[in-house]
Protein backbone atom coordinates (compact mmCIF):
# COMPACT_ATOMS: atom_id res chain seq x y z
CA UNK A 1 0.00 0.00 0.00
CA UNK A 2 1.26 3.42 -0.90
CA UNK A 3 -0.17 6.84 -1.48
CA UNK A 4 0.65 10.38 -2.40
CA UNK A 5 -0.72 13.47 -4.03
CA UNK A 6 -1.09 13.48 -7.83
CA UNK A 7 1.79 15.94 -8.27
CA UNK A 8 4.11 13.84 -6.09
CA UNK A 9 3.32 10.66 -8.04
CA UNK A 10 4.12 12.37 -11.34
CA UNK A 11 7.73 12.63 -10.15
CA UNK A 12 8.08 8.91 -9.30
CA UNK A 13 6.33 6.76 -11.93
CA UNK A 14 9.10 4.13 -11.91
CA UNK A 15 8.89 3.70 -8.14
CA UNK A 16 5.14 3.08 -8.36
CA UNK A 17 5.60 0.64 -11.25
CA UNK A 18 8.30 -1.14 -9.24
CA UNK A 19 5.90 -1.76 -6.34
CA UNK A 20 3.10 -2.82 -8.70
CA UNK A 21 5.39 -5.40 -10.33
CA UNK A 22 6.60 -6.65 -6.94
CA UNK A 23 3.00 -7.15 -5.80
CA UNK A 24 2.12 -8.95 -9.04
CA UNK A 25 5.14 -11.30 -8.73
CA UNK A 26 4.10 -12.35 -5.22
CA UNK A 27 0.32 -12.29 -5.71
CA UNK A 28 -0.25 -9.34 -3.39
CA UNK A 29 -2.93 -6.72 -3.78
CA UNK A 30 -1.36 -3.34 -4.56
CA UNK A 31 -3.25 -0.34 -3.25
CA UNK A 32 -2.40 3.15 -4.45
CA UNK A 33 -4.20 6.05 -2.79
CA UNK A 34 -3.99 9.29 -4.77
CA UNK A 35 -5.78 12.08 -2.94
CA UNK A 36 -5.15 15.54 -1.53
CA UNK A 37 -5.69 14.59 2.12
CA UNK A 38 -3.88 17.69 3.37
CA UNK A 39 -6.68 19.85 2.01
CA UNK A 40 -9.16 17.87 4.12
CA UNK A 41 -7.20 17.69 7.37
CA UNK A 42 -4.83 20.66 7.31
CA UNK A 43 -1.60 18.71 7.89
CA UNK A 44 1.18 18.64 5.34
CA UNK A 45 1.31 15.77 2.86
CA UNK A 46 3.63 13.64 5.00
CA UNK A 47 0.66 12.89 7.25
CA UNK A 48 -1.54 11.54 4.40
CA UNK A 49 -0.65 7.93 5.18
CA UNK A 50 -2.49 8.14 8.49
CA UNK A 51 -5.74 9.10 6.80
CA UNK A 52 -5.80 6.50 4.04
CA UNK A 53 -4.42 3.71 6.23
CA UNK A 54 -7.11 4.44 8.82
CA UNK A 55 -9.82 4.51 6.17
CA UNK A 56 -8.62 1.23 4.65
CA UNK A 57 -8.21 -0.52 8.00
CA UNK A 58 -11.68 0.56 9.17
CA UNK A 59 -13.21 -0.94 6.04
CA UNK A 60 -10.95 -3.96 6.17
CA UNK A 61 -11.88 -4.89 9.74
CA UNK A 62 -15.55 -4.94 8.70
CA UNK A 63 -14.69 -7.39 5.90
CA UNK A 64 -14.08 -11.08 6.58
CA UNK A 65 -11.51 -11.40 3.77
CA UNK A 66 -9.09 -8.90 5.30
CA UNK A 67 -5.36 -9.74 4.90
CA UNK A 68 -3.47 -10.44 8.12
CA UNK A 69 -0.90 -7.70 7.45
CA UNK A 70 -0.76 -4.37 5.63
CA UNK A 71 2.58 -3.17 4.33
CA UNK A 72 2.89 0.57 3.85
CA UNK A 73 5.76 1.94 1.77
CA UNK A 74 6.39 5.50 0.61
CA UNK A 75 5.52 6.25 -3.00
CA UNK A 76 9.10 7.19 -3.87
CA UNK A 77 10.63 4.01 -2.37
CA UNK A 78 11.80 1.10 -4.51
CA UNK A 79 11.84 -2.64 -3.81
CA UNK A 80 15.45 -3.60 -4.39
CA UNK A 81 15.22 -7.38 -4.07
CA UNK A 82 11.96 -8.59 -5.59
CA UNK A 83 12.75 -12.22 -4.72
CA UNK A 84 12.13 -11.63 -0.99
CA UNK A 85 8.42 -11.96 -0.08
CA UNK A 86 6.85 -9.80 2.61
CA UNK A 87 6.22 -12.94 4.65
CA UNK A 88 9.98 -13.09 5.27
CA UNK A 89 9.39 -10.21 7.70
CA UNK A 90 6.08 -11.25 9.24
CA UNK A 91 6.21 -15.02 9.80
CA UNK A 92 8.76 -14.85 12.61
CA UNK A 93 6.68 -12.34 14.58
CA UNK A 94 4.68 -13.48 17.58
CA UNK A 95 0.89 -13.12 17.59
CA UNK A 96 1.00 -10.23 20.09
CA UNK A 97 2.98 -7.96 17.75
CA UNK A 98 0.87 -5.66 15.56
CA UNK A 99 3.46 -3.17 14.28
CA UNK A 100 6.81 -3.86 12.62
CA UNK A 101 9.12 -0.88 12.12
CA UNK A 102 12.67 -0.48 10.86
CA UNK A 103 14.89 1.28 13.31
CA UNK A 104 17.89 3.04 11.86
CA UNK A 105 20.91 4.23 13.75
CA UNK A 106 19.21 7.41 14.94
CA UNK A 107 15.61 7.24 13.77
CA UNK A 108 12.51 5.16 13.16
CA UNK A 109 11.67 4.92 9.47
CA UNK A 110 7.99 5.77 8.95
CA UNK A 111 8.36 5.24 5.21
CA UNK A 112 8.04 1.45 5.34
CA UNK A 113 6.24 -0.55 8.01
CA UNK A 114 3.85 -3.44 8.61
CA UNK A 115 0.54 -3.21 10.47
CA UNK A 116 -1.36 -6.30 11.50
CA UNK A 117 -5.04 -5.81 10.67
CA UNK A 118 -6.29 -5.56 14.24
CA UNK A 119 -8.28 -3.16 16.39
CA UNK A 120 -5.03 -2.21 18.11
CA UNK A 121 -3.55 -1.08 14.78
CA UNK A 122 -6.63 0.96 13.99
CA UNK A 123 -6.47 2.68 17.37
CA UNK A 124 -2.75 3.29 16.90
CA UNK A 125 -3.43 5.09 13.61
CA UNK A 126 -6.24 7.12 15.15
CA UNK A 127 -4.02 8.19 18.05
CA UNK A 128 -1.24 9.23 15.71
CA UNK A 129 -3.70 11.26 13.64
CA UNK A 130 -5.10 12.95 16.75
CA UNK A 131 -1.60 13.75 18.01
CA UNK A 132 -0.78 15.59 14.79
CA UNK A 133 2.58 17.11 14.00
CA UNK A 134 4.76 18.46 16.78
CA UNK A 135 5.11 22.24 16.40
CA UNK A 136 8.64 23.08 15.28
CA UNK A 137 9.15 25.57 18.13
CA UNK A 138 8.85 22.78 20.75
CA UNK A 139 11.69 20.61 19.39
C-alpha atoms as a PDB file:
ATOM      1  CA  UNK A   1       0.000   0.000   0.000  1.00  0.00           C
ATOM      2  CA  UNK A   2       1.265   3.423  -0.897  1.00  0.00           C
ATOM      3  CA  UNK A   3      -0.166   6.842  -1.478  1.00  0.00           C
ATOM      4  CA  UNK A   4       0.654  10.380  -2.400  1.00  0.00           C
ATOM      5  CA  UNK A   5      -0.719  13.472  -4.029  1.00  0.00           C
ATOM      6  CA  UNK A   6      -1.094  13.479  -7.825  1.00  0.00           C
ATOM      7  CA  UNK A   7       1.787  15.944  -8.270  1.00  0.00           C
ATOM      8  CA  UNK A   8       4.107  13.838  -6.090  1.00  0.00           C
ATOM      9  CA  UNK A   9       3.321  10.664  -8.038  1.00  0.00           C
ATOM     10  CA  UNK A  10       4.121  12.372 -11.338  1.00  0.00           C
ATOM     11  CA  UNK A  11       7.728  12.625 -10.155  1.00  0.00           C
ATOM     12  CA  UNK A  12       8.084   8.907  -9.298  1.00  0.00           C
ATOM     13  CA  UNK A  13       6.328   6.761 -11.928  1.00  0.00           C
ATOM     14  CA  UNK A  14       9.097   4.126 -11.914  1.00  0.00           C
ATOM     15  CA  UNK A  15       8.888   3.699  -8.139  1.00  0.00           C
ATOM     16  CA  UNK A  16       5.139   3.078  -8.361  1.00  0.00           C
ATOM     17  CA  UNK A  17       5.598   0.642 -11.250  1.00  0.00           C
ATOM     18  CA  UNK A  18       8.295  -1.141  -9.239  1.00  0.00           C
ATOM     19  CA  UNK A  19       5.898  -1.758  -6.342  1.00  0.00           C
ATOM     20  CA  UNK A  20       3.105  -2.819  -8.696  1.00  0.00           C
ATOM     21  CA  UNK A  21       5.391  -5.398 -10.328  1.00  0.00           C
ATOM     22  CA  UNK A  22       6.597  -6.646  -6.940  1.00  0.00           C
ATOM     23  CA  UNK A  23       3.003  -7.151  -5.802  1.00  0.00           C
ATOM     24  CA  UNK A  24       2.122  -8.948  -9.035  1.00  0.00           C
ATOM     25  CA  UNK A  25       5.137 -11.298  -8.734  1.00  0.00           C
ATOM     26  CA  UNK A  26       4.100 -12.346  -5.221  1.00  0.00           C
ATOM     27  CA  UNK A  27       0.322 -12.290  -5.709  1.00  0.00           C
ATOM     28  CA  UNK A  28      -0.249  -9.338  -3.386  1.00  0.00           C
ATOM     29  CA  UNK A  29      -2.927  -6.718  -3.785  1.00  0.00           C
ATOM     30  CA  UNK A  30      -1.356  -3.341  -4.564  1.00  0.00           C
ATOM     31  CA  UNK A  31      -3.246  -0.344  -3.248  1.00  0.00           C
ATOM     32  CA  UNK A  32      -2.400   3.147  -4.448  1.00  0.00           C
ATOM     33  CA  UNK A  33      -4.201   6.054  -2.793  1.00  0.00           C
ATOM     34  CA  UNK A  34      -3.993   9.287  -4.768  1.00  0.00           C
ATOM     35  CA  UNK A  35      -5.781  12.082  -2.945  1.00  0.00           C
ATOM     36  CA  UNK A  36      -5.155  15.540  -1.532  1.00  0.00           C
ATOM     37  CA  UNK A  37      -5.688  14.591   2.121  1.00  0.00           C
ATOM     38  CA  UNK A  38      -3.875  17.687   3.372  1.00  0.00           C
ATOM     39  CA  UNK A  39      -6.680  19.849   2.006  1.00  0.00           C
ATOM     40  CA  UNK A  40      -9.164  17.871   4.121  1.00  0.00           C
ATOM     41  CA  UNK A  41      -7.195  17.694   7.370  1.00  0.00           C
ATOM     42  CA  UNK A  42      -4.835  20.663   7.308  1.00  0.00           C
ATOM     43  CA  UNK A  43      -1.605  18.707   7.893  1.00  0.00           C
ATOM     44  CA  UNK A  44       1.183  18.638   5.340  1.00  0.00           C
ATOM     45  CA  UNK A  45       1.313  15.774   2.855  1.00  0.00           C
ATOM     46  CA  UNK A  46       3.629  13.635   5.000  1.00  0.00           C
ATOM     47  CA  UNK A  47       0.656  12.892   7.251  1.00  0.00           C
ATOM     48  CA  UNK A  48      -1.537  11.542   4.401  1.00  0.00           C
ATOM     49  CA  UNK A  49      -0.651   7.930   5.177  1.00  0.00           C
ATOM     50  CA  UNK A  50      -2.490   8.144   8.487  1.00  0.00           C
ATOM     51  CA  UNK A  51      -5.740   9.102   6.803  1.00  0.00           C
ATOM     52  CA  UNK A  52      -5.798   6.504   4.039  1.00  0.00           C
ATOM     53  CA  UNK A  53      -4.419   3.714   6.226  1.00  0.00           C
ATOM     54  CA  UNK A  54      -7.111   4.444   8.819  1.00  0.00           C
ATOM     55  CA  UNK A  55      -9.823   4.510   6.166  1.00  0.00           C
ATOM     56  CA  UNK A  56      -8.617   1.233   4.654  1.00  0.00           C
ATOM     57  CA  UNK A  57      -8.205  -0.519   8.000  1.00  0.00           C
ATOM     58  CA  UNK A  58     -11.683   0.556   9.173  1.00  0.00           C
ATOM     59  CA  UNK A  59     -13.206  -0.937   6.036  1.00  0.00           C
ATOM     60  CA  UNK A  60     -10.946  -3.960   6.169  1.00  0.00           C
ATOM     61  CA  UNK A  61     -11.877  -4.888   9.738  1.00  0.00           C
ATOM     62  CA  UNK A  62     -15.545  -4.944   8.703  1.00  0.00           C
ATOM     63  CA  UNK A  63     -14.694  -7.390   5.899  1.00  0.00           C
ATOM     64  CA  UNK A  64     -14.080 -11.082   6.581  1.00  0.00           C
ATOM     65  CA  UNK A  65     -11.512 -11.399   3.771  1.00  0.00           C
ATOM     66  CA  UNK A  66      -9.085  -8.904   5.302  1.00  0.00           C
ATOM     67  CA  UNK A  67      -5.364  -9.741   4.904  1.00  0.00           C
ATOM     68  CA  UNK A  68      -3.469 -10.444   8.119  1.00  0.00           C
ATOM     69  CA  UNK A  69      -0.901  -7.704   7.447  1.00  0.00           C
ATOM     70  CA  UNK A  70      -0.760  -4.372   5.626  1.00  0.00           C
ATOM     71  CA  UNK A  71       2.582  -3.173   4.334  1.00  0.00           C
ATOM     72  CA  UNK A  72       2.887   0.574   3.850  1.00  0.00           C
ATOM     73  CA  UNK A  73       5.764   1.936   1.769  1.00  0.00           C
ATOM     74  CA  UNK A  74       6.392   5.500   0.612  1.00  0.00           C
ATOM     75  CA  UNK A  75       5.518   6.247  -3.002  1.00  0.00           C
ATOM     76  CA  UNK A  76       9.102   7.186  -3.869  1.00  0.00           C
ATOM     77  CA  UNK A  77      10.628   4.010  -2.372  1.00  0.00           C
ATOM     78  CA  UNK A  78      11.799   1.097  -4.505  1.00  0.00           C
ATOM     79  CA  UNK A  79      11.842  -2.640  -3.811  1.00  0.00           C
ATOM     80  CA  UNK A  80      15.454  -3.599  -4.390  1.00  0.00           C
ATOM     81  CA  UNK A  81      15.220  -7.385  -4.074  1.00  0.00           C
ATOM     82  CA  UNK A  82      11.956  -8.591  -5.586  1.00  0.00           C
ATOM     83  CA  UNK A  83      12.747 -12.220  -4.716  1.00  0.00           C
ATOM     84  CA  UNK A  84      12.128 -11.631  -0.989  1.00  0.00           C
ATOM     85  CA  UNK A  85       8.423 -11.963  -0.081  1.00  0.00           C
ATOM     86  CA  UNK A  86       6.853  -9.803   2.608  1.00  0.00           C
ATOM     87  CA  UNK A  87       6.219 -12.939   4.646  1.00  0.00           C
ATOM     88  CA  UNK A  88       9.976 -13.091   5.273  1.00  0.00           C
ATOM     89  CA  UNK A  89       9.387 -10.214   7.697  1.00  0.00           C
ATOM     90  CA  UNK A  90       6.080 -11.252   9.242  1.00  0.00           C
ATOM     91  CA  UNK A  91       6.212 -15.022   9.800  1.00  0.00           C
ATOM     92  CA  UNK A  92       8.759 -14.852  12.607  1.00  0.00           C
ATOM     93  CA  UNK A  93       6.679 -12.335  14.576  1.00  0.00           C
ATOM     94  CA  UNK A  94       4.675 -13.480  17.583  1.00  0.00           C
ATOM     95  CA  UNK A  95       0.893 -13.115  17.591  1.00  0.00           C
ATOM     96  CA  UNK A  96       1.000 -10.234  20.095  1.00  0.00           C
ATOM     97  CA  UNK A  97       2.980  -7.960  17.749  1.00  0.00           C
ATOM     98  CA  UNK A  98       0.870  -5.662  15.556  1.00  0.00           C
ATOM     99  CA  UNK A  99       3.456  -3.173  14.275  1.00  0.00           C
ATOM    100  CA  UNK A 100       6.810  -3.858  12.617  1.00  0.00           C
ATOM    101  CA  UNK A 101       9.122  -0.876  12.116  1.00  0.00           C
ATOM    102  CA  UNK A 102      12.665  -0.482  10.859  1.00  0.00           C
ATOM    103  CA  UNK A 103      14.893   1.280  13.314  1.00  0.00           C
ATOM    104  CA  UNK A 104      17.892   3.036  11.860  1.00  0.00           C
ATOM    105  CA  UNK A 105      20.906   4.229  13.753  1.00  0.00           C
ATOM    106  CA  UNK A 106      19.213   7.415  14.941  1.00  0.00           C
ATOM    107  CA  UNK A 107      15.607   7.245  13.766  1.00  0.00           C
ATOM    108  CA  UNK A 108      12.507   5.155  13.165  1.00  0.00           C
ATOM    109  CA  UNK A 109      11.665   4.920   9.474  1.00  0.00           C
ATOM    110  CA  UNK A 110       7.993   5.774   8.955  1.00  0.00           C
ATOM    111  CA  UNK A 111       8.360   5.240   5.209  1.00  0.00           C
ATOM    112  CA  UNK A 112       8.041   1.448   5.340  1.00  0.00           C
ATOM    113  CA  UNK A 113       6.237  -0.554   8.011  1.00  0.00           C
ATOM    114  CA  UNK A 114       3.852  -3.440   8.613  1.00  0.00           C
ATOM    115  CA  UNK A 115       0.543  -3.214  10.470  1.00  0.00           C
ATOM    116  CA  UNK A 116      -1.362  -6.297  11.498  1.00  0.00           C
ATOM    117  CA  UNK A 117      -5.039  -5.806  10.667  1.00  0.00           C
ATOM    118  CA  UNK A 118      -6.290  -5.557  14.242  1.00  0.00           C
ATOM    119  CA  UNK A 119      -8.277  -3.159  16.391  1.00  0.00           C
ATOM    120  CA  UNK A 120      -5.025  -2.211  18.112  1.00  0.00           C
ATOM    121  CA  UNK A 121      -3.546  -1.080  14.781  1.00  0.00           C
ATOM    122  CA  UNK A 122      -6.627   0.962  13.986  1.00  0.00           C
ATOM    123  CA  UNK A 123      -6.474   2.679  17.375  1.00  0.00           C
ATOM    124  CA  UNK A 124      -2.746   3.291  16.899  1.00  0.00           C
ATOM    125  CA  UNK A 125      -3.432   5.087  13.611  1.00  0.00           C
ATOM    126  CA  UNK A 126      -6.244   7.116  15.151  1.00  0.00           C
ATOM    127  CA  UNK A 127      -4.024   8.191  18.053  1.00  0.00           C
ATOM    128  CA  UNK A 128      -1.237   9.233  15.712  1.00  0.00           C
ATOM    129  CA  UNK A 129      -3.700  11.263  13.639  1.00  0.00           C
ATOM    130  CA  UNK A 130      -5.098  12.948  16.753  1.00  0.00           C
ATOM    131  CA  UNK A 131      -1.604  13.755  18.006  1.00  0.00           C
ATOM    132  CA  UNK A 132      -0.780  15.591  14.793  1.00  0.00           C
ATOM    133  CA  UNK A 133       2.582  17.111  14.000  1.00  0.00           C
ATOM    134  CA  UNK A 134       4.757  18.457  16.775  1.00  0.00           C
ATOM    135  CA  UNK A 135       5.115  22.238  16.403  1.00  0.00           C
ATOM    136  CA  UNK A 136       8.644  23.080  15.279  1.00  0.00           C
ATOM    137  CA  UNK A 137       9.146  25.573  18.133  1.00  0.00           C
ATOM    138  CA  UNK A 138       8.850  22.780  20.750  1.00  0.00           C
ATOM    139  CA  UNK A 139      11.691  20.613  19.395  1.00  0.00           C
END
